[in-house]
Amino acid sequence: MVSSESSEKVKIKNEKFLKLAFQNPLASLLTGVRFLTIVPVSWKSEEDGRFFQASLIWFPLIGLLIGVVTALLVSFFVTVLPSALTAVFAMVLLAGISGCLHLDGLADSGDGLLSGRPRESALEIMRDSRTGAMGVIALVFLLLGKYGALSSLSSTALICAVLLMPIAGRTAILLTMAILPYARSGEGLGRLFYSSESRKVAVAGLMFCAFISLFFSFKIACTVLVAILVTVCCFSFWCHKKLGGATGDTLGAVCELTELAVATSIVLVSLQTS
């Protein structure tokens, strides 16, 4: 007899998730919110399995919501705290709202990709819940990079950065899924989001990110798009060469790396305009 879990997976694969997303916008949006944030939304949480793929269409929007909340809080603290402390506060907010989900993926990816082991061994290392030396090093470098970028920005540019970073990071996840196959032969959390319609969602997400970026300036929009595309392409090439595709951990890693790239790109724009 086929288990209910297996039946649910078959149903997920057979449904066109874009149609499902627009027929059930609230359910699919809240599924994405529950997965990407620590916001305690409980409405229809028992149906998350059905709406995992459908929630993909809302990833950039959820990134915008994270960015707006962070930007509003940062806009207050930037008036009472030094720039260095405000940068740390912004980093804690961005990581905390997502429950450090993507930082965990970065650490696991660092352990596997930097291990020097063959594909299967690297994938097995990434399954281990314990964080090794390479994962710690990857986390330290990423957090130092974010701190260095955010602490060097003016108040206005900092608000711009913290609003755009989470949108860009979630868009990078969609683009990576559109480029790379799933690397693991068995089931995994990342596989639940894979679909034949991933490329359509990736294009839509990139357009949404560009549209929001244009509210700041055309130069920032172009710089952010370049940062996203360069990061996704380089990291995807590395993952394909090392792992043969993407995993849930590498999707989290590309989100964090893209956030760093966007923060750095906004620093470069600020230096040119100052």
Protein backbone atom coordinates (compact mmCIF):
# COMPACT_ATOMS: atom_id res chain seq x y z
CA MET A 1 0.00 0.00 0.00
CA VAL A 2 1.32 3.48 -0.88
CA SER A 3 1.90 5.63 2.19
CA SER A 4 0.09 8.97 2.56
CA GLU A 5 3.48 10.74 2.47
CA SER A 6 4.36 9.12 -0.87
CA SER A 7 0.93 9.99 -2.28
CA GLU A 8 1.44 13.58 -1.22
CA LYS A 9 4.79 13.74 -3.02
CA VAL A 10 3.26 12.37 -6.20
CA LYS A 11 0.52 14.97 -5.96
CA ILE A 12 3.08 17.74 -5.55
CA LYS A 13 4.93 16.63 -8.69
CA ASN A 14 1.79 16.34 -10.80
CA GLU A 15 0.23 19.69 -9.94
CA LYS A 16 1.23 22.82 -11.84
CA PHE A 17 2.42 24.89 -8.94
CA LEU A 18 1.98 28.32 -10.57
CA LYS A 19 -1.71 27.61 -11.08
CA LEU A 20 -1.92 26.27 -7.54
CA ALA A 21 -0.20 29.40 -6.18
CA PHE A 22 -2.63 31.80 -7.82
CA GLN A 23 -5.65 29.70 -6.94
CA ASN A 24 -4.53 29.58 -3.29
CA PRO A 25 -2.45 32.76 -2.81
CA LEU A 26 -2.82 33.04 0.96
CA ALA A 27 -2.07 29.39 1.67
CA SER A 28 0.98 29.32 -0.61
CA LEU A 29 2.25 32.67 0.72
CA LEU A 30 1.93 31.57 4.34
CA THR A 31 3.70 28.29 3.54
CA GLY A 32 6.63 30.34 2.26
CA VAL A 33 6.52 32.63 5.30
CA ARG A 34 6.62 29.63 7.63
CA PHE A 35 9.57 28.13 5.77
CA LEU A 36 11.65 31.29 5.29
CA THR A 37 10.97 33.09 8.57
CA ILE A 38 10.30 32.52 12.26
CA VAL A 39 6.96 34.33 12.07
CA PRO A 40 4.49 32.09 13.96
CA VAL A 41 1.82 31.75 11.27
CA SER A 42 -0.25 28.64 11.89
CA TRP A 43 -3.16 28.89 9.43
CA LYS A 44 -3.43 25.64 7.41
CA SER A 45 0.11 24.62 8.36
CA GLU A 46 -0.92 20.99 7.90
CA GLU A 47 -1.11 21.65 4.13
CA ASP A 48 2.49 22.87 3.79
CA GLY A 49 3.49 19.72 1.89
CA ARG A 50 1.03 20.54 -0.87
CA PHE A 51 2.06 24.19 -1.18
CA PHE A 52 5.86 23.95 -0.90
CA GLN A 53 6.41 24.41 -4.64
CA ALA A 54 3.60 26.95 -4.92
CA SER A 55 5.28 29.10 -2.28
CA LEU A 56 8.27 29.67 -4.58
CA ILE A 57 6.47 32.43 -6.46
CA TRP A 58 6.31 34.42 -3.21
CA PHE A 59 9.99 34.09 -2.22
CA PRO A 60 11.00 37.56 -3.51
CA LEU A 61 7.92 39.13 -1.92
CA ILE A 62 8.75 37.48 1.40
CA GLY A 63 12.28 38.84 0.97
CA LEU A 64 10.76 42.31 0.50
CA LEU A 65 8.71 41.92 3.70
CA ILE A 66 11.84 40.91 5.60
CA GLY A 67 13.67 43.87 4.11
CA VAL A 68 10.92 46.36 4.96
CA VAL A 69 10.75 45.22 8.60
CA THR A 70 14.55 45.38 8.90
CA ALA A 71 14.76 48.76 7.16
CA LEU A 72 12.11 50.29 9.43
CA LEU A 73 13.88 49.15 12.57
CA VAL A 74 17.30 50.15 11.25
CA SER A 75 15.99 53.61 10.28
CA PHE A 76 15.19 54.17 13.96
CA PHE A 77 18.38 52.77 15.45
CA VAL A 78 20.62 54.53 12.94
CA THR A 79 19.66 57.81 14.61
CA VAL A 80 20.72 56.72 18.10
CA LEU A 81 23.53 54.21 17.56
CA PRO A 82 26.98 54.44 15.92
CA SER A 83 27.20 53.03 12.39
CA ALA A 84 29.15 49.96 13.54
CA LEU A 85 26.51 48.95 16.09
CA THR A 86 23.72 49.65 13.64
CA ALA A 87 25.40 47.34 11.13
CA VAL A 88 25.57 44.56 13.71
CA PHE A 89 21.92 45.14 14.61
CA ALA A 90 20.94 44.91 10.94
CA MET A 91 22.87 41.65 10.52
CA VAL A 92 21.21 40.15 13.61
CA LEU A 93 17.78 41.14 12.30
CA LEU A 94 18.34 39.70 8.82
CA ALA A 95 19.64 36.43 10.24
CA GLY A 96 17.18 36.24 13.12
CA ILE A 97 14.02 36.76 11.08
CA SER A 98 14.97 33.76 8.94
CA GLY A 99 15.92 31.69 11.98
CA CYS A 100 19.53 31.57 10.69
CA LEU A 101 18.26 29.04 8.12
CA HIS A 102 20.52 30.22 5.32
CA LEU A 103 23.56 30.69 7.55
CA ASP A 104 23.20 27.04 8.54
CA GLY A 105 23.16 26.13 4.85
CA LEU A 106 26.28 28.20 4.26
CA ALA A 107 28.11 26.43 7.09
CA ASP A 108 27.16 22.97 5.80
CA SER A 109 28.07 23.97 2.24
CA GLY A 110 31.43 25.24 3.42
CA ASP A 111 32.17 21.91 5.08
CA GLY A 112 31.30 19.98 1.91
CA LEU A 113 32.56 22.23 -0.87
CA LEU A 114 35.85 23.05 0.86
CA SER A 115 36.52 19.52 2.08
CA GLY A 116 38.58 18.39 -0.90
CA ARG A 117 36.62 15.12 -0.89
CA PRO A 118 34.89 13.50 -3.91
CA ARG A 119 31.23 14.19 -4.66
CA GLU A 120 29.56 11.49 -2.56
CA SER A 121 31.78 12.15 0.44
CA ALA A 122 31.15 15.89 0.19
CA LEU A 123 27.39 15.34 0.10
CA GLU A 124 27.62 13.05 3.11
CA ILE A 125 29.63 15.67 5.01
CA MET A 126 26.93 18.24 4.27
CA ARG A 127 24.29 15.93 5.80
CA ASP A 128 26.13 15.98 9.13
CA SER A 129 24.43 18.39 11.53
CA ARG A 130 27.76 19.19 13.15
CA THR A 131 29.70 22.17 11.80
CA GLY A 132 33.34 21.61 10.92
CA ALA A 133 36.28 23.96 10.61
CA MET A 134 35.57 24.87 7.00
CA GLY A 135 31.97 25.72 7.81
CA VAL A 136 33.05 27.98 10.67
CA ILE A 137 35.59 29.70 8.42
CA ALA A 138 32.93 30.30 5.75
CA LEU A 139 30.58 31.79 8.35
CA VAL A 140 33.27 34.05 9.83
CA PHE A 141 34.34 35.40 6.44
CA LEU A 142 30.75 36.01 5.35
CA LEU A 143 29.79 37.82 8.56
CA LEU A 144 32.97 39.89 8.48
CA GLY A 145 32.22 40.83 4.88
CA LYS A 146 28.66 41.85 5.69
CA TYR A 147 29.80 43.85 8.70
CA GLY A 148 32.51 45.60 6.70
CA ALA A 149 30.08 46.53 3.93
CA LEU A 150 27.15 47.63 6.09
CA SER A 151 29.23 49.57 8.62
CA SER A 152 30.82 51.64 5.84
CA LEU A 153 27.51 52.84 4.40
CA SER A 154 25.74 56.11 5.11
CA SER A 155 22.37 55.97 6.86
CA THR A 156 20.42 56.23 3.59
CA ALA A 157 22.56 53.67 1.78
CA LEU A 158 22.36 51.29 4.76
CA ILE A 159 18.55 51.34 4.67
CA CYS A 160 18.68 50.72 0.92
CA ALA A 161 21.04 47.76 1.43
CA VAL A 162 19.07 46.02 4.18
CA LEU A 163 15.87 46.35 2.15
CA LEU A 164 17.33 44.94 -1.08
CA MET A 165 19.59 42.22 0.37
CA PRO A 166 16.84 39.77 1.42
CA ILE A 167 14.98 40.22 -1.89
CA ALA A 168 18.15 39.53 -3.84
CA GLY A 169 19.02 36.52 -1.68
CA ARG A 170 15.65 34.82 -2.20
CA THR A 171 15.77 35.64 -5.91
CA ALA A 172 19.19 33.97 -6.07
CA ILE A 173 17.65 30.80 -4.65
CA LEU A 174 15.13 30.73 -7.51
CA LEU A 175 17.80 31.36 -10.15
CA THR A 176 20.03 28.61 -8.77
CA MET A 177 17.15 26.15 -8.87
CA ALA A 178 16.50 27.15 -12.48
CA ILE A 179 20.14 26.53 -13.43
CA LEU A 180 21.11 23.44 -11.43
CA PRO A 181 19.49 20.03 -11.00
CA TYR A 182 19.06 18.58 -7.54
CA ALA A 183 22.33 16.91 -6.57
CA ARG A 184 21.13 14.16 -4.26
CA SER A 185 19.75 10.88 -5.57
CA GLY A 186 17.33 10.44 -2.65
CA GLU A 187 14.75 12.75 -1.15
CA GLY A 188 15.73 15.97 0.55
CA LEU A 189 14.16 19.21 1.69
CA GLY A 190 15.49 21.06 -1.33
CA ARG A 191 13.87 18.59 -3.73
CA LEU A 192 10.40 19.56 -2.48
CA PHE A 193 10.79 22.92 -4.23
CA TYR A 194 12.02 21.63 -7.59
CA SER A 195 9.60 21.77 -10.53
CA SER A 196 9.49 22.13 -14.29
CA GLU A 197 8.19 25.67 -13.77
CA SER A 198 11.20 26.85 -11.73
CA ARG A 199 12.62 28.87 -14.62
CA LYS A 200 9.44 30.91 -15.04
CA VAL A 201 9.46 31.76 -11.35
CA ALA A 202 13.17 32.68 -11.48
CA VAL A 203 12.60 35.16 -14.32
CA ALA A 204 9.61 36.66 -12.50
CA GLY A 205 11.64 36.95 -9.31
CA LEU A 206 14.50 38.71 -11.10
CA MET A 207 12.07 41.18 -12.67
CA PHE A 208 10.49 41.87 -9.29
CA CYS A 209 13.90 42.48 -7.72
CA ALA A 210 14.82 44.87 -10.56
CA PHE A 211 11.53 46.73 -10.17
CA ILE A 212 12.01 47.29 -6.44
CA SER A 213 15.65 48.32 -6.95
CA LEU A 214 14.59 50.98 -9.46
CA PHE A 215 12.85 52.89 -6.66
CA PHE A 216 16.33 53.78 -5.38
CA SER A 217 18.10 54.49 -8.67
CA PHE A 218 18.82 53.01 -12.07
CA LYS A 219 22.48 52.58 -11.15
CA ILE A 220 21.63 50.65 -8.00
CA ALA A 221 19.18 48.46 -9.93
CA CYS A 222 21.81 47.57 -12.52
CA THR A 223 24.47 46.96 -9.86
CA VAL A 224 22.18 44.73 -7.80
CA LEU A 225 21.22 42.65 -10.85
CA VAL A 226 24.86 42.22 -11.82
CA ALA A 227 25.72 41.19 -8.24
CA ILE A 228 22.94 38.58 -8.25
CA LEU A 229 23.80 37.12 -11.65
CA VAL A 230 27.56 37.00 -11.08
CA THR A 231 27.19 35.38 -7.65
CA VAL A 232 24.64 32.82 -8.85
CA CYS A 233 26.61 31.90 -11.96
CA CYS A 234 29.96 31.53 -10.15
CA PHE A 235 28.54 29.61 -7.21
CA SER A 236 26.40 27.40 -9.47
CA PHE A 237 29.45 26.53 -11.57
CA TRP A 238 31.32 25.52 -8.40
CA CYS A 239 28.41 23.45 -7.10
CA HIS A 240 27.93 21.72 -10.44
CA LYS A 241 31.61 20.88 -10.70
CA LYS A 242 31.91 19.69 -7.08
CA LEU A 243 28.47 18.22 -6.33
CA GLY A 244 26.77 17.79 -9.69
CA GLY A 245 23.97 20.18 -8.74
CA ALA A 246 22.35 22.00 -5.84
CA THR A 247 21.14 20.90 -2.41
CA GLY A 248 19.06 22.61 0.23
CA ASP A 249 22.29 23.69 1.91
CA THR A 250 23.77 25.27 -1.21
CA LEU A 251 20.50 27.11 -1.85
CA GLY A 252 20.85 28.65 1.60
CA ALA A 253 24.49 29.42 0.90
CA VAL A 254 23.77 31.23 -2.36
CA CYS A 255 21.21 33.36 -0.55
CA GLU A 256 23.81 34.51 1.99
CA LEU A 257 26.55 35.02 -0.61
CA THR A 258 24.21 37.08 -2.77
CA GLU A 259 23.26 39.27 0.19
CA LEU A 260 26.97 39.93 0.75
CA ALA A 261 27.50 40.68 -2.96
CA VAL A 262 24.58 43.13 -3.01
CA ALA A 263 25.80 44.92 0.13
CA THR A 264 29.26 45.21 -1.43
CA SER A 265 27.84 46.49 -4.72
CA ILE A 266 25.92 49.23 -2.90
CA VAL A 267 29.16 50.24 -1.17
CA LEU A 268 30.81 50.58 -4.58
CA VAL A 269 27.93 52.72 -5.88
CA SER A 270 28.12 54.90 -2.76
CA LEU A 271 31.85 55.45 -3.28
CA GLN A 272 31.26 56.55 -6.87
CA THR A 273 28.54 59.04 -5.92
CA SER A 274 30.28 60.49 -2.85
